[in-house]
Amino acid sequence: MTVIVLTNCPAGLRGFLTRWLLEISAGVFIGNPSARIRDLLWDEVQQYANQGRALLAHTANNEQGFIFQTHDHAWHPVDHEGLTLIRRPNAQSTPSSAAPKKGWSKASKRRRYGS
């Protein structure tokens, strides 16, 4: 079983994939091509995706039962002791200028001094 998910890719690439896979939702393709055809399809996706993103998942003879690859994703697959996990980018930390100011708030000062 092979699944390819496209995001923000040209319509021509989607049409190309419908020759071998069934598009079950916008940009989500599923099918059971041979390993050679799957690899050729993935090469075409990587070549013609332009600014888009792509994800390939297919069955494999391993503990998880599948393998996946990404193209231009912020999340990347990482092998961890034989299991493939997804490494997500760190959340952007807030800049120090957005840190709360120390001391009393203006409302608190008004209540305190009766203004």
N, C-alpha and C. Protein backbone atom coordinates (compact mmCIF):
# COMPACT_ATOMS: atom_id res chain seq x y z
N MET A 1 0.85 -1.17 0.00
CA MET A 1 0.00 0.00 0.00
C MET A 1 0.90 1.24 0.00
N THR A 2 0.57 2.20 -0.82
CA THR A 2 1.34 3.43 -0.94
C THR A 2 0.40 4.61 -0.78
N VAL A 3 0.83 5.60 0.00
CA VAL A 3 0.07 6.83 0.19
C VAL A 3 1.00 8.00 -0.10
N ILE A 4 0.55 8.92 -0.95
CA ILE A 4 1.29 10.16 -1.22
C ILE A 4 0.37 11.32 -0.91
N VAL A 5 0.85 12.26 -0.11
CA VAL A 5 0.08 13.45 0.25
C VAL A 5 0.81 14.67 -0.29
N LEU A 6 0.11 15.47 -1.10
CA LEU A 6 0.67 16.68 -1.68
C LEU A 6 0.00 17.90 -1.09
N THR A 7 0.79 18.93 -0.84
CA THR A 7 0.27 20.21 -0.36
C THR A 7 0.88 21.31 -1.20
N ASN A 8 0.03 22.14 -1.78
CA ASN A 8 0.47 23.30 -2.55
C ASN A 8 1.36 22.89 -3.74
N CYS A 9 0.95 21.84 -4.45
CA CYS A 9 1.69 21.36 -5.61
C CYS A 9 0.92 21.66 -6.88
N PRO A 10 1.58 21.69 -8.03
CA PRO A 10 0.91 21.97 -9.29
C PRO A 10 -0.16 20.93 -9.63
N ALA A 11 -1.20 21.38 -10.32
CA ALA A 11 -2.29 20.48 -10.70
C ALA A 11 -1.80 19.40 -11.66
N GLY A 12 -0.80 19.72 -12.48
CA GLY A 12 -0.26 18.73 -13.40
C GLY A 12 0.35 17.54 -12.68
N LEU A 13 0.96 17.79 -11.54
CA LEU A 13 1.55 16.70 -10.76
C LEU A 13 0.44 15.81 -10.21
N ARG A 14 -0.63 16.43 -9.77
CA ARG A 14 -1.77 15.64 -9.27
C ARG A 14 -2.34 14.78 -10.39
N GLY A 15 -2.46 15.35 -11.59
CA GLY A 15 -2.95 14.58 -12.72
C GLY A 15 -2.02 13.44 -13.08
N PHE A 16 -0.72 13.69 -12.99
CA PHE A 16 0.27 12.64 -13.27
C PHE A 16 0.10 11.47 -12.31
N LEU A 17 -0.11 11.75 -11.03
CA LEU A 17 -0.23 10.67 -10.04
C LEU A 17 -1.50 9.86 -10.20
N THR A 18 -2.55 10.47 -10.80
CA THR A 18 -3.80 9.71 -10.95
C THR A 18 -3.69 8.60 -11.98
N ARG A 19 -2.60 8.53 -12.72
CA ARG A 19 -2.40 7.42 -13.65
C ARG A 19 -2.19 6.10 -12.91
N TRP A 20 -1.57 6.17 -11.72
CA TRP A 20 -1.25 4.95 -10.97
C TRP A 20 -1.93 4.87 -9.62
N LEU A 21 -2.37 6.00 -9.09
CA LEU A 21 -2.96 6.02 -7.75
C LEU A 21 -4.35 6.64 -7.80
N LEU A 22 -5.15 6.35 -6.80
CA LEU A 22 -6.49 6.90 -6.68
C LEU A 22 -6.46 8.11 -5.75
N GLU A 23 -7.01 9.24 -6.19
CA GLU A 23 -7.04 10.44 -5.35
C GLU A 23 -8.31 10.38 -4.51
N ILE A 24 -8.16 10.05 -3.22
CA ILE A 24 -9.32 9.86 -2.36
C ILE A 24 -9.78 11.16 -1.70
N SER A 25 -8.93 12.15 -1.67
CA SER A 25 -9.25 13.48 -1.18
C SER A 25 -8.29 14.43 -1.88
N ALA A 26 -8.53 15.71 -1.78
CA ALA A 26 -7.67 16.67 -2.48
C ALA A 26 -6.22 16.51 -2.03
N GLY A 27 -5.36 16.08 -2.94
CA GLY A 27 -3.94 15.94 -2.64
C GLY A 27 -3.55 14.67 -1.92
N VAL A 28 -4.48 13.75 -1.70
CA VAL A 28 -4.18 12.48 -1.00
C VAL A 28 -4.38 11.34 -2.00
N PHE A 29 -3.29 10.64 -2.31
CA PHE A 29 -3.29 9.57 -3.31
C PHE A 29 -2.97 8.25 -2.62
N ILE A 30 -3.68 7.20 -3.03
CA ILE A 30 -3.48 5.89 -2.41
C ILE A 30 -3.53 4.82 -3.50
N GLY A 31 -2.72 3.78 -3.35
CA GLY A 31 -2.71 2.70 -4.32
C GLY A 31 -1.72 1.63 -3.93
N ASN A 32 -1.53 0.68 -4.83
CA ASN A 32 -0.63 -0.44 -4.55
C ASN A 32 0.27 -0.70 -5.76
N PRO A 33 1.09 0.29 -6.16
CA PRO A 33 2.00 0.04 -7.28
C PRO A 33 3.20 -0.80 -6.84
N SER A 34 3.94 -1.30 -7.80
CA SER A 34 5.15 -2.05 -7.46
C SER A 34 6.19 -1.09 -6.86
N ALA A 35 7.21 -1.65 -6.25
CA ALA A 35 8.25 -0.83 -5.62
C ALA A 35 8.97 0.02 -6.66
N ARG A 36 9.19 -0.51 -7.84
CA ARG A 36 9.87 0.25 -8.89
C ARG A 36 9.04 1.44 -9.33
N ILE A 37 7.75 1.23 -9.54
CA ILE A 37 6.85 2.32 -9.94
C ILE A 37 6.73 3.34 -8.81
N ARG A 38 6.63 2.87 -7.57
CA ARG A 38 6.55 3.78 -6.42
C ARG A 38 7.77 4.69 -6.37
N ASP A 39 8.96 4.14 -6.55
CA ASP A 39 10.18 4.95 -6.53
C ASP A 39 10.22 5.95 -7.68
N LEU A 40 9.76 5.53 -8.86
CA LEU A 40 9.71 6.45 -10.00
C LEU A 40 8.70 7.57 -9.75
N LEU A 41 7.55 7.23 -9.16
CA LEU A 41 6.57 8.26 -8.83
C LEU A 41 7.13 9.26 -7.82
N TRP A 42 7.83 8.76 -6.81
CA TRP A 42 8.40 9.65 -5.79
C TRP A 42 9.46 10.57 -6.39
N ASP A 43 10.26 10.05 -7.32
CA ASP A 43 11.24 10.89 -8.00
C ASP A 43 10.56 12.01 -8.78
N GLU A 44 9.46 11.68 -9.45
CA GLU A 44 8.70 12.71 -10.20
C GLU A 44 8.10 13.74 -9.25
N VAL A 45 7.57 13.28 -8.13
CA VAL A 45 6.99 14.20 -7.15
C VAL A 45 8.05 15.17 -6.65
N GLN A 46 9.23 14.66 -6.30
CA GLN A 46 10.29 15.53 -5.80
C GLN A 46 10.75 16.52 -6.86
N GLN A 47 10.74 16.11 -8.12
CA GLN A 47 11.22 16.98 -9.19
C GLN A 47 10.21 18.08 -9.50
N TYR A 48 8.92 17.78 -9.49
CA TYR A 48 7.90 18.72 -9.95
C TYR A 48 7.08 19.36 -8.84
N ALA A 49 7.42 19.15 -7.59
CA ALA A 49 6.63 19.72 -6.49
C ALA A 49 6.78 21.23 -6.38
N ASN A 50 7.84 21.80 -6.95
CA ASN A 50 8.10 23.24 -6.87
C ASN A 50 8.13 23.71 -5.43
N GLN A 51 7.27 24.64 -5.07
CA GLN A 51 7.24 25.18 -3.71
C GLN A 51 6.37 24.34 -2.78
N GLY A 52 5.77 23.28 -3.29
CA GLY A 52 4.88 22.46 -2.50
C GLY A 52 5.61 21.48 -1.60
N ARG A 53 4.82 20.80 -0.79
CA ARG A 53 5.35 19.78 0.12
C ARG A 53 4.75 18.43 -0.25
N ALA A 54 5.48 17.38 0.05
CA ALA A 54 4.99 16.04 -0.27
C ALA A 54 5.41 15.06 0.83
N LEU A 55 4.59 14.04 1.00
CA LEU A 55 4.85 12.98 1.98
C LEU A 55 4.52 11.65 1.32
N LEU A 56 5.43 10.70 1.46
CA LEU A 56 5.23 9.35 0.93
C LEU A 56 5.27 8.37 2.09
N ALA A 57 4.26 7.50 2.16
CA ALA A 57 4.25 6.43 3.16
C ALA A 57 3.90 5.14 2.43
N HIS A 58 4.64 4.09 2.72
CA HIS A 58 4.35 2.80 2.09
C HIS A 58 4.68 1.67 3.04
N THR A 59 4.07 0.51 2.78
CA THR A 59 4.27 -0.65 3.64
C THR A 59 5.70 -1.16 3.51
N ALA A 60 6.19 -1.74 4.59
CA ALA A 60 7.55 -2.28 4.61
C ALA A 60 7.60 -3.43 5.62
N ASN A 61 8.61 -4.24 5.50
CA ASN A 61 8.79 -5.37 6.40
C ASN A 61 9.69 -4.93 7.56
N ASN A 62 9.15 -4.11 8.46
CA ASN A 62 9.87 -3.68 9.65
C ASN A 62 8.91 -3.70 10.84
N GLU A 63 9.38 -3.26 12.00
CA GLU A 63 8.54 -3.32 13.19
C GLU A 63 7.30 -2.45 13.09
N GLN A 64 7.45 -1.29 12.46
CA GLN A 64 6.30 -0.39 12.34
C GLN A 64 5.35 -0.82 11.23
N GLY A 65 5.85 -1.52 10.24
CA GLY A 65 5.01 -1.97 9.14
C GLY A 65 4.92 -0.97 8.01
N PHE A 66 5.59 0.16 8.13
CA PHE A 66 5.58 1.16 7.06
C PHE A 66 6.85 2.01 7.13
N ILE A 67 7.12 2.71 6.03
CA ILE A 67 8.23 3.65 5.92
C ILE A 67 7.65 4.93 5.33
N PHE A 68 8.17 6.07 5.73
CA PHE A 68 7.71 7.30 5.12
C PHE A 68 8.88 8.22 4.83
N GLN A 69 8.69 9.06 3.82
CA GLN A 69 9.69 10.04 3.40
C GLN A 69 8.98 11.37 3.21
N THR A 70 9.72 12.47 3.38
CA THR A 70 9.13 13.78 3.21
C THR A 70 9.93 14.59 2.20
N HIS A 71 9.28 15.58 1.62
CA HIS A 71 9.92 16.50 0.69
C HIS A 71 9.49 17.92 1.06
N ASP A 72 10.45 18.75 1.43
CA ASP A 72 10.22 20.16 1.81
C ASP A 72 9.25 20.33 2.97
N HIS A 73 9.27 19.42 3.92
CA HIS A 73 8.47 19.55 5.14
C HIS A 73 9.35 20.11 6.25
N ALA A 74 8.75 20.82 7.18
CA ALA A 74 9.47 21.27 8.37
C ALA A 74 9.69 20.09 9.32
N TRP A 75 8.82 19.09 9.24
CA TRP A 75 8.95 17.90 10.07
C TRP A 75 9.74 16.86 9.29
N HIS A 76 10.73 16.23 9.94
CA HIS A 76 11.61 15.29 9.26
C HIS A 76 11.60 13.94 9.98
N PRO A 77 11.62 12.83 9.22
CA PRO A 77 11.73 11.51 9.84
C PRO A 77 13.14 11.29 10.40
N VAL A 78 13.20 10.69 11.58
CA VAL A 78 14.47 10.42 12.23
C VAL A 78 14.43 8.99 12.76
N ASP A 79 15.50 8.23 12.51
CA ASP A 79 15.59 6.87 13.01
C ASP A 79 16.03 6.91 14.47
N HIS A 80 15.23 6.30 15.34
CA HIS A 80 15.55 6.25 16.76
C HIS A 80 15.45 4.80 17.23
N GLU A 81 16.60 4.16 17.35
CA GLU A 81 16.69 2.77 17.80
C GLU A 81 15.80 1.84 16.98
N GLY A 82 15.83 2.02 15.66
CA GLY A 82 15.08 1.15 14.78
C GLY A 82 13.67 1.61 14.46
N LEU A 83 13.17 2.61 15.17
CA LEU A 83 11.84 3.15 14.89
C LEU A 83 11.99 4.51 14.21
N THR A 84 11.14 4.77 13.25
CA THR A 84 11.17 6.07 12.58
C THR A 84 10.18 6.99 13.27
N LEU A 85 10.71 8.08 13.76
CA LEU A 85 9.89 9.08 14.44
C LEU A 85 9.95 10.39 13.67
N ILE A 86 9.04 11.30 13.96
CA ILE A 86 9.03 12.61 13.31
C ILE A 86 9.64 13.64 14.24
N ARG A 87 10.61 14.38 13.71
CA ARG A 87 11.21 15.48 14.47
C ARG A 87 10.52 16.77 14.03
N ARG A 88 9.83 17.38 14.97
CA ARG A 88 9.16 18.65 14.70
C ARG A 88 10.09 19.79 15.06
N PRO A 89 9.98 20.91 14.35
CA PRO A 89 10.84 22.05 14.70
C PRO A 89 10.44 22.60 16.07
N ASN A 90 11.42 23.18 16.76
CA ASN A 90 11.13 23.78 18.06
C ASN A 90 10.19 24.95 17.89
N ALA A 91 9.33 25.15 18.87
CA ALA A 91 8.43 26.30 18.84
C ALA A 91 9.26 27.56 19.00
N GLN A 92 8.87 28.59 18.31
CA GLN A 92 9.60 29.86 18.40
C GLN A 92 9.45 30.41 19.81
N SER A 93 10.56 30.68 20.45
CA SER A 93 10.50 31.24 21.80
C SER A 93 10.14 32.72 21.70
N THR A 94 9.46 33.19 22.71
CA THR A 94 9.04 34.59 22.71
C THR A 94 10.26 35.48 22.92
N PRO A 95 10.34 36.59 22.20
CA PRO A 95 11.48 37.48 22.39
C PRO A 95 11.45 38.11 23.78
N SER A 96 12.62 38.53 24.25
CA SER A 96 12.71 39.07 25.61
C SER A 96 11.91 40.36 25.74
N SER A 97 11.66 41.08 24.64
CA SER A 97 10.89 42.32 24.73
C SER A 97 9.43 42.03 25.06
N ALA A 98 8.96 40.79 24.80
CA ALA A 98 7.58 40.45 25.10
C ALA A 98 7.42 39.92 26.52
N ALA A 99 8.51 39.84 27.26
CA ALA A 99 8.44 39.35 28.63
C ALA A 99 7.67 40.36 29.47
N PRO A 100 6.92 39.88 30.47
CA PRO A 100 6.14 40.81 31.29
C PRO A 100 7.06 41.76 32.06
N LYS A 101 6.59 42.99 32.19
CA LYS A 101 7.37 43.99 32.92
C LYS A 101 7.25 43.74 34.41
N LYS A 102 8.33 44.05 35.11
CA LYS A 102 8.32 43.86 36.56
C LYS A 102 7.77 45.12 37.22
N GLY A 103 7.20 44.95 38.37
CA GLY A 103 6.67 46.10 39.10
C GLY A 103 5.16 46.11 39.08
N TRP A 104 4.61 47.23 39.52
CA TRP A 104 3.17 47.36 39.65
C TRP A 104 2.56 47.80 38.33
N SER A 105 1.35 47.31 38.04
CA SER A 105 0.65 47.73 36.84
C SER A 105 0.07 49.13 37.05
N LYS A 106 -0.32 49.78 35.97
CA LYS A 106 -0.92 51.11 36.08
C LYS A 106 -2.22 51.06 36.87
N ALA A 107 -3.03 50.04 36.66
CA ALA A 107 -4.28 49.91 37.39
C ALA A 107 -4.03 49.73 38.87
N SER A 108 -3.02 48.95 39.20
CA SER A 108 -2.69 48.73 40.60
C SER A 108 -2.22 50.03 41.25
N LYS A 109 -1.43 50.82 40.54
CA LYS A 109 -0.97 52.10 41.08
C LYS A 109 -2.14 53.04 41.32
N ARG A 110 -3.10 53.07 40.39
CA ARG A 110 -4.28 53.94 40.57
C ARG A 110 -5.08 53.53 41.80
N ARG A 111 -5.28 52.24 41.99
CA ARG A 111 -6.03 51.78 43.17
C ARG A 111 -5.28 52.11 44.44
N ARG A 112 -3.97 51.96 44.38
CA ARG A 112 -3.15 52.15 45.57
C ARG A 112 -3.12 53.61 46.00
N TYR A 113 -3.01 54.51 45.03
CA TYR A 113 -2.88 55.92 45.37
C TYR A 113 -4.18 56.68 45.24
N GLY A 114 -5.26 56.00 44.90
CA GLY A 114 -6.58 56.63 44.86
C GLY A 114 -6.77 57.60 43.73
N SER A 115 -6.06 57.47 42.65
CA SER A 115 -6.22 58.42 41.52
C SER A 115 -7.38 58.05 40.66
